[in-house]
C-alpha atoms as a PDB file:
ATOM      1  CA  MET A   1     -20.925 -14.891  -0.312  1.00  0.00           C
ATOM      2  CA  LYS A   2     -21.580 -11.690   1.622  1.00  0.00           C
ATOM      3  CA  SER A   3     -23.156  -8.707  -0.105  1.00  0.00           C
ATOM      4  CA  ALA A   4     -21.393  -5.350  -0.080  1.00  0.00           C
ATOM      5  CA  SER A   5     -23.722  -4.131   2.678  1.00  0.00           C
ATOM      6  CA  GLU A   6     -22.761  -7.121   4.862  1.00  0.00           C
ATOM      7  CA  VAL A   7     -19.016  -6.553   4.583  1.00  0.00           C
ATOM      8  CA  HIS A   8     -17.821  -4.386   7.448  1.00  0.00           C
ATOM      9  CA  LEU A   9     -14.506  -2.601   7.160  1.00  0.00           C
ATOM     10  CA  ASP A  10     -12.654  -1.712  10.328  1.00  0.00           C
ATOM     11  CA  PRO A  11     -13.095   2.074  10.811  1.00  0.00           C
ATOM     12  CA  LEU A  12      -9.356   2.664  11.198  1.00  0.00           C
ATOM     13  CA  GLU A  13      -8.596   0.671   8.069  1.00  0.00           C
ATOM     14  CA  ALA A  14     -11.324   2.535   6.188  1.00  0.00           C
ATOM     15  CA  ALA A  15      -9.850   5.841   7.358  1.00  0.00           C
ATOM     16  CA  ARG A  16      -6.395   4.744   6.142  1.00  0.00           C
ATOM     17  CA  GLN A  17      -7.865   3.986   2.731  1.00  0.00           C
ATOM     18  CA  PHE A  18      -9.935   7.188   2.521  1.00  0.00           C
ATOM     19  CA  THR A  19      -7.255   9.602   3.704  1.00  0.00           C
ATOM     20  CA  PRO A  20      -5.186   9.704   0.468  1.00  0.00           C
ATOM     21  CA  ILE A  21      -8.347  10.256  -1.570  1.00  0.00           C
ATOM     22  CA  LEU A  22      -9.584  13.003   0.729  1.00  0.00           C
ATOM     23  CA  LYS A  23      -6.154  14.667   0.663  1.00  0.00           C
ATOM     24  CA  ALA A  24      -6.289  14.633  -3.134  1.00  0.00           C
ATOM     25  CA  LEU A  25      -9.719  16.277  -3.014  1.00  0.00           C
ATOM     26  CA  ALA A  26      -8.642  18.893  -0.465  1.00  0.00           C
ATOM     27  CA  ASP A  27      -6.906  21.073  -3.062  1.00  0.00           C
ATOM     28  CA  GLU A  28      -9.119  23.749  -4.643  1.00  0.00           C
ATOM     29  CA  ASN A  29      -7.726  23.222  -8.154  1.00  0.00           C
ATOM     30  CA  ARG A  30      -8.082  19.435  -7.980  1.00  0.00           C
ATOM     31  CA  LEU A  31     -11.634  19.729  -6.771  1.00  0.00           C
ATOM     32  CA  ALA A  32     -12.420  22.215  -9.560  1.00  0.00           C
ATOM     33  CA  ILE A  33     -10.950  19.777 -12.088  1.00  0.00           C
ATOM     34  CA  LEU A  34     -13.104  16.983 -10.696  1.00  0.00           C
ATOM     35  CA  LEU A  35     -16.220  19.141 -10.778  1.00  0.00           C
ATOM     36  CA  LEU A  36     -15.611  19.739 -14.498  1.00  0.00           C
ATOM     37  CA  LEU A  37     -14.776  16.099 -15.188  1.00  0.00           C
ATOM     38  CA  ALA A  38     -17.969  15.036 -13.402  1.00  0.00           C
ATOM     39  CA  GLN A  39     -19.845  16.849 -16.181  1.00  0.00           C
ATOM     40  CA  ARG A  40     -17.904  15.199 -19.022  1.00  0.00           C
ATOM     41  CA  PRO A  41     -14.374  14.079 -19.966  1.00  0.00           C
ATOM     42  CA  ARG A  42     -11.980  16.865 -20.973  1.00  0.00           C
ATOM     43  CA  THR A  43      -8.463  17.467 -22.268  1.00  0.00           C
ATOM     44  CA  VAL A  44      -5.834  19.490 -20.399  1.00  0.00           C
ATOM     45  CA  VAL A  45      -6.409  22.358 -22.838  1.00  0.00           C
ATOM     46  CA  GLU A  46     -10.142  22.372 -22.094  1.00  0.00           C
ATOM     47  CA  LEU A  47      -9.476  22.299 -18.347  1.00  0.00           C
ATOM     48  CA  THR A  48      -6.971  25.151 -18.505  1.00  0.00           C
ATOM     49  CA  GLU A  49      -9.333  27.280 -20.585  1.00  0.00           C
ATOM     50  CA  GLU A  50     -12.291  26.703 -18.276  1.00  0.00           C
ATOM     51  CA  LEU A  51     -10.350  27.144 -15.030  1.00  0.00           C
ATOM     52  CA  GLY A  52      -7.928  29.842 -16.121  1.00  0.00           C
ATOM     53  CA  ILE A  53      -4.903  27.960 -14.811  1.00  0.00           C
ATOM     54  CA  ALA A  54      -1.592  27.161 -16.479  1.00  0.00           C
ATOM     55  CA  GLN A  55      -1.206  23.904 -18.368  1.00  0.00           C
ATOM     56  CA  THR A  56       1.679  22.831 -16.124  1.00  0.00           C
ATOM     57  CA  LEU A  57      -0.492  23.374 -13.039  1.00  0.00           C
ATOM     58  CA  ALA A  58      -3.389  21.416 -14.531  1.00  0.00           C
ATOM     59  CA  SER A  59      -1.040  18.576 -15.507  1.00  0.00           C
ATOM     60  CA  HIS A  60       0.461  18.557 -12.005  1.00  0.00           C
ATOM     61  CA  HIS A  61      -2.970  18.203 -10.406  1.00  0.00           C
ATOM     62  CA  LEU A  62      -4.111  15.592 -12.929  1.00  0.00           C
ATOM     63  CA  LYS A  63      -1.045  13.518 -12.097  1.00  0.00           C
ATOM     64  CA  ALA A  64      -1.924  13.643  -8.399  1.00  0.00           C
ATOM     65  CA  LEU A  65      -5.479  12.532  -9.211  1.00  0.00           C
ATOM     66  CA  ARG A  66      -4.213   9.769 -11.514  1.00  0.00           C
ATOM     67  CA  ASP A  67      -1.777   8.554  -8.854  1.00  0.00           C
ATOM     68  CA  ARG A  68      -4.765   8.028  -6.546  1.00  0.00           C
ATOM     69  CA  ALA A  69      -6.742   6.318  -9.356  1.00  0.00           C
ATOM     70  CA  ILE A  70      -9.422   9.003  -9.168  1.00  0.00           C
ATOM     71  CA  VAL A  71      -8.905  10.124 -12.767  1.00  0.00           C
ATOM     72  CA  THR A  72      -8.116   8.099 -15.871  1.00  0.00           C
ATOM     73  CA  ALA A  73      -6.562   9.236 -19.134  1.00  0.00           C
ATOM     74  CA  THR A  74      -7.521   7.979 -22.568  1.00  0.00           C
ATOM     75  CA  PRO A  75      -5.087   8.761 -25.392  1.00  0.00           C
ATOM     76  CA  GLU A  76      -6.676  10.932 -28.052  1.00  0.00           C
ATOM     77  CA  GLY A  77      -4.349  11.919 -30.853  1.00  0.00           C
ATOM     78  CA  ARG A  78      -1.385  13.753 -29.338  1.00  0.00           C
ATOM     79  CA  SER A  79      -3.145  14.440 -26.049  1.00  0.00           C
ATOM     80  CA  ASN A  80      -5.213  12.672 -23.416  1.00  0.00           C
ATOM     81  CA  ARG A  81      -8.859  12.953 -22.525  1.00  0.00           C
ATOM     82  CA  TYR A  82      -9.335  12.800 -18.761  1.00  0.00           C
ATOM     83  CA  SER A  83     -12.346  11.419 -16.960  1.00  0.00           C
ATOM     84  CA  ILE A  84     -13.313  10.408 -13.452  1.00  0.00           C
ATOM     85  CA  CYS A  85     -12.515   6.765 -12.860  1.00  0.00           C
ATOM     86  CA  CYS A  86     -15.913   5.556 -11.816  1.00  0.00           C
ATOM     87  CA  ASP A  87     -19.416   6.448 -10.692  1.00  0.00           C
ATOM     88  CA  SER A  88     -18.489   5.802  -7.066  1.00  0.00           C
ATOM     89  CA  ILE A  89     -16.327   8.944  -7.285  1.00  0.00           C
ATOM     90  CA  ALA A  90     -18.279  10.905  -9.916  1.00  0.00           C
ATOM     91  CA  ASP A  91     -21.652  10.689  -8.154  1.00  0.00           C
ATOM     92  CA  PRO A  92     -20.477  12.252  -4.858  1.00  0.00           C
ATOM     93  CA  ILE A  93     -18.647  14.987  -6.804  1.00  0.00           C
ATOM     94  CA  ARG A  94     -21.862  15.766  -8.719  1.00  0.00           C
ATOM     95  CA  ASN A  95     -23.754  15.822  -5.417  1.00  0.00           C
ATOM     96  CA  LEU A  96     -21.225  18.263  -3.940  1.00  0.00           C
ATOM     97  CA  SER A  97     -21.731  20.491  -6.963  1.00  0.00           C
ATOM     98  CA  ARG A  98     -25.507  20.431  -6.434  1.00  0.00           C
ATOM     99  CA  ILE A  99     -25.106  21.279  -2.754  1.00  0.00           C
ATOM    100  CA  VAL A 100     -22.910  24.287  -3.506  1.00  0.00           C
ATOM    101  CA  THR A 101     -25.167  25.630  -6.242  1.00  0.00           C
ATOM    102  CA  SER A 102     -28.358  25.182  -4.192  1.00  0.00           C
ATOM    103  CA  THR A 103     -27.041  26.623  -0.907  1.00  0.00           C
ATOM    104  CA  PRO A 104     -27.601  30.353  -0.461  1.00  0.00           C
ATOM    105  CA  SER A 105     -24.463  32.395   0.162  1.00  0.00           C
ATOM    106  CA  THR A 106     -24.091  33.818   3.632  1.00  0.00           C
END
């Protein structure tokens, strides 16, 4: 059996697979949601309070992220607690956050 490092994906096929994820990340609100979820899971109410956006807008963006399997929802009472699906997504988001906070503004 080949290890993950030995498996080579055709660049065009890889691009086809990455494009929907990158499109989902290209929206400022979705990226802000992911930056918060990379810190810890949150409810829609927590996200709206921290981002200052409407609940309908937050729900709309969460649906887009769920449709791409980037975010998962765990029922919690009458609401859901959202989290990033996996470390393979969460780690790069955390790294992006570190880059932004450590780069001087120009």
